[in-house]
Amino acid sequence: MLAYFPPVSEYMVRPIRGHEWREIRALRLKALKDEAAPMAFAESYEEGAAQPEEFWQGRAQGSSSDAGPEAGACQFVAIADGGTWVGTSVALIEKAGAQDFEGETIEQSGGHVVGVFLHPEHRGKGVIGRLFDATLDWMRQRGLTRARLYVHADNVRAQRAYEKAGFAATGKSVYGSLGPEIEMARAL
């Protein structure tokens, strides 16, 4: 069963639903316009905007609460009062020996956090912590014991947010499509 996190002050965090692809597209495109986007996302605004509706529909369905218990991903959204989507994070299940999105061999099975974004006007209000709570809880429900993520070496703001969520640098770094990135991980 997927957890729904009730509103805290003026925000609700929950898994997306398959039919919400338009909202997912709009939030992703907003994220791709953020000043940190070039070091946070592996696609540009122009690339994201050029994707056809079918792409967004598939992305939504595959990482939604409708995808079922065997889904390999779940996207969570933070919604402000009034219904505005302001933040998101995605949980992926990784299996040791497989390759991740950068082509690196996954050394240890666990969860991988990707696609983290919170609109600047909503930062500093505890919303990112709620997104991480939901994302990590989903991973725990699948029996995972470890979560990791990559963060650009120059993205200090994101590194601090991840540290607040219990992630620590593992000492591993990669030079991926975004440049130098640090792996951060935490036990679940």
Protein backbone atom coordinates (compact mmCIF):
# COMPACT_ATOMS: atom_id res chain seq x y z
CA MET A 1 0.00 0.00 0.00
CA LEU A 2 1.36 3.41 -0.94
CA ALA A 3 1.53 5.92 1.86
CA TYR A 4 -0.25 9.23 1.58
CA PHE A 5 1.23 11.99 3.69
CA PRO A 6 -1.47 14.37 4.96
CA PRO A 7 -1.07 18.07 4.55
CA VAL A 8 1.52 19.74 6.76
CA SER A 9 0.58 23.37 7.00
CA GLU A 10 -0.35 24.17 3.44
CA TYR A 11 1.21 21.20 1.58
CA MET A 12 0.20 17.65 0.75
CA VAL A 13 2.69 15.04 -0.48
CA ARG A 14 1.44 11.99 -2.36
CA PRO A 15 2.25 9.62 -5.23
CA ILE A 16 1.22 10.80 -8.65
CA ARG A 17 -1.63 9.14 -10.54
CA GLY A 18 -1.34 7.88 -14.09
CA HIS A 19 -3.80 10.38 -15.54
CA GLU A 20 -1.84 13.36 -14.17
CA TRP A 21 0.68 13.46 -17.00
CA ARG A 22 -0.13 17.07 -17.90
CA GLU A 23 0.69 18.21 -14.37
CA ILE A 24 3.88 16.11 -14.38
CA ARG A 25 4.93 17.65 -17.68
CA ALA A 26 4.27 21.20 -16.43
CA LEU A 27 6.22 20.63 -13.20
CA ARG A 28 9.14 19.04 -15.02
CA LEU A 29 9.32 21.91 -17.48
CA LYS A 30 9.25 24.36 -14.57
CA ALA A 31 12.14 22.41 -13.00
CA LEU A 32 14.07 22.55 -16.27
CA LYS A 33 13.87 26.36 -16.18
CA ASP A 34 15.33 26.53 -12.66
CA GLU A 35 18.76 28.17 -12.39
CA ALA A 36 20.26 24.87 -11.12
CA ALA A 37 18.75 22.78 -13.93
CA PRO A 38 21.94 22.49 -16.03
CA MET A 39 23.67 20.70 -13.13
CA ALA A 40 20.59 18.88 -11.82
CA PHE A 41 18.81 17.35 -14.80
CA ALA A 42 20.10 15.33 -17.74
CA GLU A 43 17.86 17.13 -20.22
CA SER A 44 17.29 20.72 -21.26
CA TYR A 45 14.03 22.61 -21.23
CA GLU A 46 13.93 22.40 -25.03
CA GLU A 47 14.38 18.61 -24.96
CA GLY A 48 11.66 18.18 -22.35
CA ALA A 49 9.24 20.50 -24.14
CA ALA A 50 9.75 18.60 -27.41
CA GLN A 51 8.63 15.26 -25.93
CA PRO A 52 5.27 14.06 -27.32
CA GLU A 53 2.21 13.49 -25.11
CA GLU A 54 2.78 9.72 -25.27
CA PHE A 55 6.14 10.13 -23.56
CA TRP A 56 4.59 12.01 -20.63
CA GLN A 57 1.68 9.58 -20.43
CA GLY A 58 4.09 6.62 -20.23
CA ARG A 59 6.28 8.34 -17.66
CA ALA A 60 3.25 9.11 -15.50
CA GLN A 61 1.74 5.65 -15.76
CA GLY A 62 5.01 3.84 -15.02
CA SER A 63 5.79 5.80 -11.86
CA SER A 64 2.28 6.35 -10.51
CA SER A 65 0.24 4.82 -7.73
CA ASP A 66 -1.65 3.06 -10.56
CA ALA A 67 1.47 1.13 -11.63
CA GLY A 68 0.94 -1.56 -8.99
CA PRO A 69 3.12 -3.21 -6.36
CA GLU A 70 5.70 -4.49 -8.87
CA ALA A 71 6.50 -1.01 -10.22
CA GLY A 72 10.17 -0.14 -10.37
CA ALA A 73 9.56 3.55 -9.74
CA CYS A 74 7.27 5.93 -7.90
CA GLN A 75 7.04 9.69 -8.35
CA PHE A 76 5.86 11.84 -5.47
CA VAL A 77 4.50 15.36 -5.70
CA ALA A 78 4.12 18.20 -3.22
CA ILE A 79 0.91 20.15 -3.73
CA ALA A 80 0.31 23.56 -2.14
CA ASP A 81 -3.06 24.81 -1.00
CA GLY A 82 -5.03 25.73 -4.07
CA GLY A 83 -3.77 22.70 -5.98
CA THR A 84 -0.48 24.05 -7.35
CA TRP A 85 2.18 21.39 -7.87
CA VAL A 86 5.38 22.79 -6.35
CA GLY A 87 7.80 19.90 -5.89
CA THR A 88 8.64 16.34 -6.80
CA SER A 89 11.00 13.43 -6.20
CA VAL A 90 11.22 10.01 -7.80
CA ALA A 91 12.18 6.69 -6.23
CA LEU A 92 13.77 4.03 -8.45
CA ILE A 93 14.56 0.43 -7.55
CA GLU A 94 18.06 -0.65 -8.57
CA LYS A 95 19.40 -4.19 -8.77
CA ALA A 96 23.08 -5.02 -8.24
CA GLY A 97 24.83 -5.78 -11.51
CA ALA A 98 22.44 -3.74 -13.66
CA GLN A 99 23.43 -0.41 -15.18
CA ASP A 100 22.12 2.90 -13.92
CA PHE A 101 21.05 5.83 -16.11
CA GLU A 102 24.68 6.96 -16.47
CA GLY A 103 25.78 3.51 -17.64
CA GLU A 104 27.55 2.77 -14.34
CA THR A 105 27.28 -0.76 -12.93
CA ILE A 106 25.15 -0.79 -9.80
CA GLU A 107 27.23 -2.28 -7.02
CA GLN A 108 24.52 -2.74 -4.39
CA SER A 109 20.76 -3.24 -4.71
CA GLY A 110 18.68 -0.47 -3.23
CA GLY A 111 16.78 2.66 -4.08
CA HIS A 112 17.89 5.62 -6.12
CA VAL A 113 16.41 9.10 -5.70
CA VAL A 114 16.18 11.18 -8.89
CA GLY A 115 14.25 14.11 -10.31
CA VAL A 116 14.21 16.16 -7.11
CA PHE A 117 12.81 19.66 -7.51
CA LEU A 118 11.12 22.22 -5.29
CA HIS A 119 9.94 25.55 -6.64
CA PRO A 120 12.09 28.35 -5.15
CA GLU A 121 9.12 30.10 -3.51
CA HIS A 122 8.45 26.98 -1.43
CA ARG A 123 11.99 26.23 -0.25
CA GLY A 124 12.86 26.49 3.42
CA LYS A 125 9.40 25.39 4.58
CA GLY A 126 10.09 21.69 5.22
CA VAL A 127 8.49 20.54 1.97
CA ILE A 128 11.62 18.83 0.64
CA GLY A 129 11.80 16.81 3.86
CA ARG A 130 8.24 15.63 3.32
CA LEU A 131 9.08 14.59 -0.24
CA PHE A 132 12.07 12.61 1.02
CA ASP A 133 9.96 11.01 3.77
CA ALA A 134 7.49 9.76 1.17
CA THR A 135 10.18 8.63 -1.27
CA LEU A 136 12.19 6.74 1.36
CA ASP A 137 9.05 5.22 2.89
CA TRP A 138 8.11 3.78 -0.51
CA MET A 139 11.57 2.22 -0.76
CA ARG A 140 11.26 0.70 2.72
CA GLN A 141 7.88 -0.77 1.80
CA ARG A 142 9.66 -2.63 -1.01
CA GLY A 143 12.16 -4.13 1.39
CA LEU A 144 15.06 -1.93 0.36
CA THR A 145 17.67 -1.12 2.99
CA ARG A 146 19.74 1.57 1.25
CA ALA A 147 19.05 4.67 -0.83
CA ARG A 148 21.50 6.66 -2.93
CA LEU A 149 21.55 9.64 -5.25
CA TYR A 150 23.98 11.64 -7.32
CA VAL A 151 24.42 15.37 -6.87
CA HIS A 152 26.59 17.73 -8.91
CA ALA A 153 29.80 18.63 -7.10
CA ASP A 154 28.98 22.34 -7.46
CA ASN A 155 25.34 22.09 -6.32
CA VAL A 156 25.97 22.92 -2.66
CA ARG A 157 22.33 23.88 -1.99
CA ALA A 158 21.13 20.42 -3.03
CA GLN A 159 23.93 18.70 -1.11
CA ARG A 160 22.81 20.48 2.09
CA ALA A 161 19.18 19.47 1.53
CA TYR A 162 20.24 15.84 1.04
CA GLU A 163 22.37 15.94 4.18
CA LYS A 164 19.35 17.17 6.15
CA ALA A 165 17.49 14.10 4.84
CA GLY A 166 20.22 11.83 6.23
CA PHE A 167 22.33 11.31 3.10
CA ALA A 168 26.12 11.41 3.35
CA ALA A 169 28.83 11.38 0.71
CA THR A 170 30.09 7.85 0.10
CA GLY A 171 33.47 8.91 -1.28
CA LYS A 172 32.49 7.73 -4.76
CA SER A 173 32.27 10.27 -7.53
CA VAL A 174 31.50 9.94 -11.20
CA TYR A 175 31.94 12.14 -14.19
CA GLY A 176 28.59 11.75 -15.91
CA SER A 177 26.56 13.62 -18.47
CA LEU A 178 26.19 16.56 -16.05
CA GLY A 179 29.87 16.74 -15.15
CA PRO A 180 31.39 15.83 -11.77
CA GLU A 181 28.86 14.25 -9.42
CA ILE A 182 29.11 12.98 -5.87
CA GLU A 183 27.31 9.85 -4.75
CA MET A 184 25.43 10.26 -1.48
CA ALA A 185 23.69 7.41 0.36
CA ARG A 186 21.85 6.52 3.54
CA ALA A 187 20.48 3.47 5.26
CA LEU A 188 16.75 2.98 5.25
